[in-house]
Amino acid sequence: MKRMLFWDNKDIVKLLSESLDRNSVSIVDTDTIFGFLGTLTPETFERLNYIKSGRSGKPYLILLGSHDKLKLFVPDIALTAPIMGLIKHCWPGPVTFIFKARANLPEFMTSSGQTIALRCPKHPGLQELLRNYNGLFSTSANKSAQPVPERHEDIDPEILNEIDYLVVNTHDNQDTIKQVQVIPSTILDLSGITHKNYTIKVVREGAYPIEELERIYGSKFTK
């Protein structure tokens, strides 16, 4: 690891962008959990696979700067009015949506079932950084089968040796690092929705209450 940075560093976006554009990987404190961050390239995909180990080609979450980027990754037909109403209600925020992917996307972005996981984070630093990209890979900052770190001190030292930067929250007045509550995002699977089936499947209950999402969507989800 080159060094620890803080989100209130005035040069944070420049430093991260320069690093990411070299296909390097960093770990950042997000609005949910500590996560790896990398560009949408095959080189970065392989780099993440190496660091995570044991992923067996599984795809990674892609972070977006806004819902306007959805059409780059998802067919227009999947972005119905009810779906867009739900997305606009909870993005930016801790809800990950799984869609059927656009047919022209490279394999390293999608699952074997041609699905893709997308989220727009509610985090000022990430939002500013994402203005420079169509999307960025992200995944929890742990090796496969290891616990997800709740504090930056919990991150595996072997992982820290493989990244450029560790970006954490700002200092408080006592010059200590502010910690945020670690809650994973809620994950909803929309990939099975068709013109005859409008049901959303809950993959994981997380930071966003399912009951509120069902109310916005107008019907119950399945589990």
Protein backbone atom coordinates (compact mmCIF):
# COMPACT_ATOMS: atom_id res chain seq x y z
CA MET A 1 0.00 0.00 0.00
CA LYS A 2 1.34 3.40 -0.94
CA ARG A 3 -0.39 5.21 1.91
CA MET A 4 -3.58 5.94 3.78
CA LEU A 5 -5.65 8.84 2.48
CA PHE A 6 -8.72 10.64 3.79
CA TRP A 7 -11.87 11.54 1.89
CA ASP A 8 -11.48 15.20 2.89
CA ASN A 9 -8.07 15.40 1.18
CA LYS A 10 -8.43 18.06 -1.54
CA ASP A 11 -6.41 15.94 -3.97
CA ILE A 12 -8.23 12.65 -3.28
CA VAL A 13 -10.10 12.42 -6.60
CA LYS A 14 -6.97 13.27 -8.62
CA LEU A 15 -4.82 10.73 -6.76
CA LEU A 16 -7.40 7.97 -6.99
CA SER A 17 -8.12 8.64 -10.66
CA GLU A 18 -4.43 8.53 -11.59
CA SER A 19 -4.07 5.24 -9.72
CA LEU A 20 -7.24 3.67 -11.11
CA ASP A 21 -6.32 4.64 -14.66
CA ARG A 22 -3.17 2.50 -14.29
CA ASN A 23 -5.45 -0.48 -13.52
CA SER A 24 -4.34 -0.37 -9.90
CA VAL A 25 -6.76 -1.21 -7.09
CA SER A 26 -7.48 0.71 -3.89
CA ILE A 27 -9.76 0.19 -0.89
CA VAL A 28 -12.20 2.91 0.11
CA ASP A 29 -14.59 3.54 2.95
CA THR A 30 -18.02 3.80 1.31
CA ASP A 31 -21.59 4.43 2.48
CA THR A 32 -21.88 0.72 3.27
CA ILE A 33 -18.70 -1.37 3.78
CA PHE A 34 -14.99 -1.10 3.03
CA GLY A 35 -14.68 -2.00 -0.63
CA PHE A 36 -12.12 -2.49 -3.37
CA LEU A 37 -12.31 0.00 -6.22
CA GLY A 38 -11.13 -0.51 -9.80
CA THR A 39 -11.81 0.45 -13.39
CA LEU A 40 -13.98 -1.60 -15.75
CA THR A 41 -11.12 -3.25 -17.61
CA PRO A 42 -10.10 -6.91 -17.99
CA GLU A 43 -6.76 -6.06 -16.38
CA THR A 44 -8.43 -4.72 -13.25
CA PHE A 45 -10.86 -7.64 -13.22
CA GLU A 46 -7.94 -10.10 -13.16
CA ARG A 47 -6.18 -8.00 -10.54
CA LEU A 48 -9.24 -8.16 -8.27
CA ASN A 49 -9.51 -11.92 -8.84
CA TYR A 50 -5.89 -12.32 -7.78
CA ILE A 51 -6.31 -10.26 -4.61
CA LYS A 52 -9.67 -11.76 -3.62
CA SER A 53 -8.66 -15.33 -4.60
CA GLY A 54 -11.22 -18.10 -4.95
CA ARG A 55 -13.78 -16.03 -6.88
CA SER A 56 -14.00 -18.54 -9.77
CA GLY A 57 -14.79 -15.84 -12.32
CA LYS A 58 -17.74 -14.35 -10.43
CA PRO A 59 -18.61 -10.81 -11.51
CA TYR A 60 -18.18 -7.75 -9.35
CA LEU A 61 -20.58 -5.01 -8.35
CA ILE A 62 -20.38 -1.91 -10.53
CA LEU A 63 -20.79 1.48 -8.91
CA LEU A 64 -22.48 4.23 -10.93
CA GLY A 65 -22.46 7.98 -10.43
CA SER A 66 -26.17 8.29 -11.25
CA HIS A 67 -29.14 6.40 -12.66
CA ASP A 68 -28.43 8.11 -16.00
CA LYS A 69 -25.62 5.57 -16.52
CA LEU A 70 -27.99 2.60 -16.32
CA LYS A 71 -28.59 2.48 -20.07
CA LEU A 72 -24.92 1.73 -20.63
CA PHE A 73 -25.35 -1.59 -18.82
CA VAL A 74 -29.06 -2.51 -18.92
CA PRO A 75 -31.46 -2.96 -21.89
CA ASP A 76 -33.97 -0.13 -22.25
CA ILE A 77 -36.84 -2.62 -22.03
CA ALA A 78 -35.84 -3.48 -18.44
CA LEU A 79 -36.08 0.14 -17.27
CA THR A 80 -39.85 0.34 -16.92
CA ALA A 81 -41.61 3.22 -15.15
CA PRO A 82 -42.17 1.22 -11.91
CA ILE A 83 -38.53 0.09 -11.87
CA MET A 84 -37.22 3.59 -12.51
CA GLY A 85 -39.52 4.95 -9.81
CA LEU A 86 -37.99 2.52 -7.34
CA ILE A 87 -34.44 3.28 -8.43
CA LYS A 88 -34.88 7.05 -8.29
CA HIS A 89 -36.37 6.71 -4.80
CA CYS A 90 -33.43 4.84 -3.29
CA TRP A 91 -30.45 5.97 -5.38
CA PRO A 92 -28.04 7.31 -4.36
CA GLY A 93 -28.22 4.83 -1.50
CA PRO A 94 -27.49 1.35 -0.16
CA VAL A 95 -29.54 -0.72 -2.63
CA THR A 96 -27.91 -2.98 -5.23
CA PHE A 97 -29.99 -4.01 -8.24
CA ILE A 98 -29.30 -7.10 -10.34
CA PHE A 99 -30.44 -6.76 -13.98
CA LYS A 100 -30.23 -8.72 -17.17
CA ALA A 101 -27.17 -7.17 -18.82
CA ARG A 102 -27.01 -5.49 -22.21
CA ALA A 103 -26.07 -7.99 -24.90
CA ASN A 104 -22.94 -6.12 -25.99
CA LEU A 105 -21.16 -6.03 -22.61
CA PRO A 106 -17.86 -7.90 -22.19
CA GLU A 107 -17.97 -11.18 -20.26
CA PHE A 108 -15.83 -9.91 -17.39
CA MET A 109 -18.59 -7.47 -16.39
CA THR A 110 -21.41 -10.01 -16.24
CA SER A 111 -22.32 -13.33 -14.64
CA SER A 112 -22.56 -16.61 -16.54
CA GLY A 113 -26.31 -15.97 -16.59
CA GLN A 114 -25.76 -12.60 -18.27
CA THR A 115 -26.75 -10.54 -15.24
CA ILE A 116 -25.08 -7.45 -13.83
CA ALA A 117 -25.13 -5.88 -10.35
CA LEU A 118 -25.30 -2.08 -10.11
CA ARG A 119 -25.42 0.49 -7.31
CA CYS A 120 -25.22 4.26 -6.99
CA PRO A 121 -23.53 5.10 -3.65
CA LYS A 122 -24.62 7.89 -1.35
CA HIS A 123 -21.12 9.07 -0.62
CA PRO A 124 -19.83 12.55 -1.61
CA GLY A 125 -16.28 11.41 -2.32
CA LEU A 126 -17.35 8.47 -4.45
CA GLN A 127 -19.90 10.61 -6.25
CA GLU A 128 -17.21 13.11 -7.21
CA LEU A 129 -14.85 10.34 -8.32
CA LEU A 130 -17.54 8.58 -10.38
CA ARG A 131 -18.09 11.70 -12.47
CA ASN A 132 -14.88 10.67 -14.24
CA TYR A 133 -16.11 7.15 -15.11
CA ASN A 134 -19.06 5.29 -16.58
CA GLY A 135 -18.71 2.93 -13.65
CA LEU A 136 -16.19 1.33 -11.29
CA PHE A 137 -15.80 -2.21 -10.01
CA SER A 138 -16.33 -2.70 -6.29
CA THR A 139 -16.44 -5.64 -3.89
CA SER A 140 -15.91 -6.16 -0.17
CA ALA A 141 -12.33 -5.62 0.99
CA ASN A 142 -11.64 -9.20 2.04
CA LYS A 143 -10.41 -12.43 0.50
CA SER A 144 -13.09 -14.91 -0.51
CA ALA A 145 -14.52 -16.81 2.49
CA GLN A 146 -12.98 -14.34 4.96
CA PRO A 147 -15.10 -12.01 7.15
CA VAL A 148 -15.91 -8.57 5.77
CA PRO A 149 -13.78 -6.01 7.69
CA GLU A 150 -15.72 -3.65 9.94
CA ARG A 151 -12.73 -1.34 10.57
CA HIS A 152 -9.73 -0.51 8.42
CA GLU A 153 -7.57 -2.17 11.09
CA ASP A 154 -9.34 -5.46 10.29
CA ILE A 155 -8.25 -5.55 6.64
CA ASP A 156 -5.89 -8.44 5.88
CA PRO A 157 -2.26 -7.17 5.73
CA GLU A 158 -1.70 -9.32 2.63
CA ILE A 159 -4.46 -7.37 0.91
CA LEU A 160 -2.96 -4.04 1.95
CA ASN A 161 0.30 -5.04 0.28
CA GLU A 162 -1.55 -5.42 -3.05
CA ILE A 163 -3.35 -2.06 -3.23
CA ASP A 164 -2.33 1.52 -3.94
CA TYR A 165 -4.38 3.45 -1.38
CA LEU A 166 -6.57 2.90 1.63
CA VAL A 167 -9.09 5.75 1.77
CA VAL A 168 -10.92 6.24 5.06
CA ASN A 169 -13.20 8.81 6.63
CA THR A 170 -12.00 12.13 7.98
CA HIS A 171 -10.31 12.87 11.26
CA ASP A 172 -12.36 14.29 14.09
CA ASN A 173 -11.21 17.05 16.46
CA GLN A 174 -9.21 14.57 18.53
CA ASP A 175 -7.24 13.55 15.42
CA THR A 176 -8.74 10.07 15.41
CA ILE A 177 -10.37 8.45 12.41
CA LYS A 178 -14.14 8.60 12.33
CA GLN A 179 -15.73 5.18 11.94
CA VAL A 180 -19.06 4.59 10.25
CA GLN A 181 -21.53 1.82 10.89
CA VAL A 182 -20.84 -1.06 8.53
CA ILE A 183 -24.08 -2.30 6.96
CA PRO A 184 -24.09 -4.10 3.60
CA SER A 185 -26.45 -2.93 0.89
CA THR A 186 -29.85 -4.45 0.29
CA ILE A 187 -29.72 -6.57 -2.89
CA LEU A 188 -32.74 -6.92 -5.18
CA ASP A 189 -32.82 -9.20 -8.23
CA LEU A 190 -34.78 -7.73 -11.15
CA SER A 191 -33.35 -10.08 -13.77
CA GLY A 192 -36.41 -12.36 -13.75
CA ILE A 193 -38.91 -9.60 -14.48
CA THR A 194 -40.80 -9.99 -17.76
CA HIS A 195 -43.97 -8.51 -19.27
CA LYS A 196 -45.85 -11.32 -17.48
CA ASN A 197 -43.87 -11.44 -14.24
CA TYR A 198 -43.31 -8.25 -12.26
CA THR A 199 -41.97 -9.83 -9.07
CA ILE A 200 -38.69 -8.65 -7.55
CA LYS A 201 -36.61 -11.15 -5.60
CA VAL A 202 -34.79 -10.22 -2.37
CA VAL A 203 -31.25 -11.60 -2.49
CA ARG A 204 -30.07 -9.94 0.72
CA GLU A 205 -31.73 -7.79 3.34
CA GLY A 206 -29.41 -4.97 4.28
CA ALA A 207 -29.30 -1.27 5.00
CA TYR A 208 -32.53 -0.32 3.19
CA PRO A 209 -35.83 -1.62 4.66
CA ILE A 210 -37.61 -4.08 2.37
CA GLU A 211 -41.04 -2.86 3.50
CA GLU A 212 -40.33 0.66 2.28
CA LEU A 213 -39.08 -0.59 -1.07
CA GLU A 214 -42.19 -2.76 -1.51
CA ARG A 215 -44.37 0.25 -0.74
CA ILE A 216 -42.61 2.34 -3.39
CA TYR A 217 -42.77 -0.46 -5.99
CA GLY A 218 -46.41 -1.22 -5.22
CA SER A 219 -46.21 -4.96 -4.61
CA LYS A 220 -44.55 -7.57 -2.40
CA PHE A 221 -41.15 -9.06 -3.16
CA THR A 222 -40.23 -12.76 -3.01
CA LYS A 223 -37.36 -14.33 -1.10
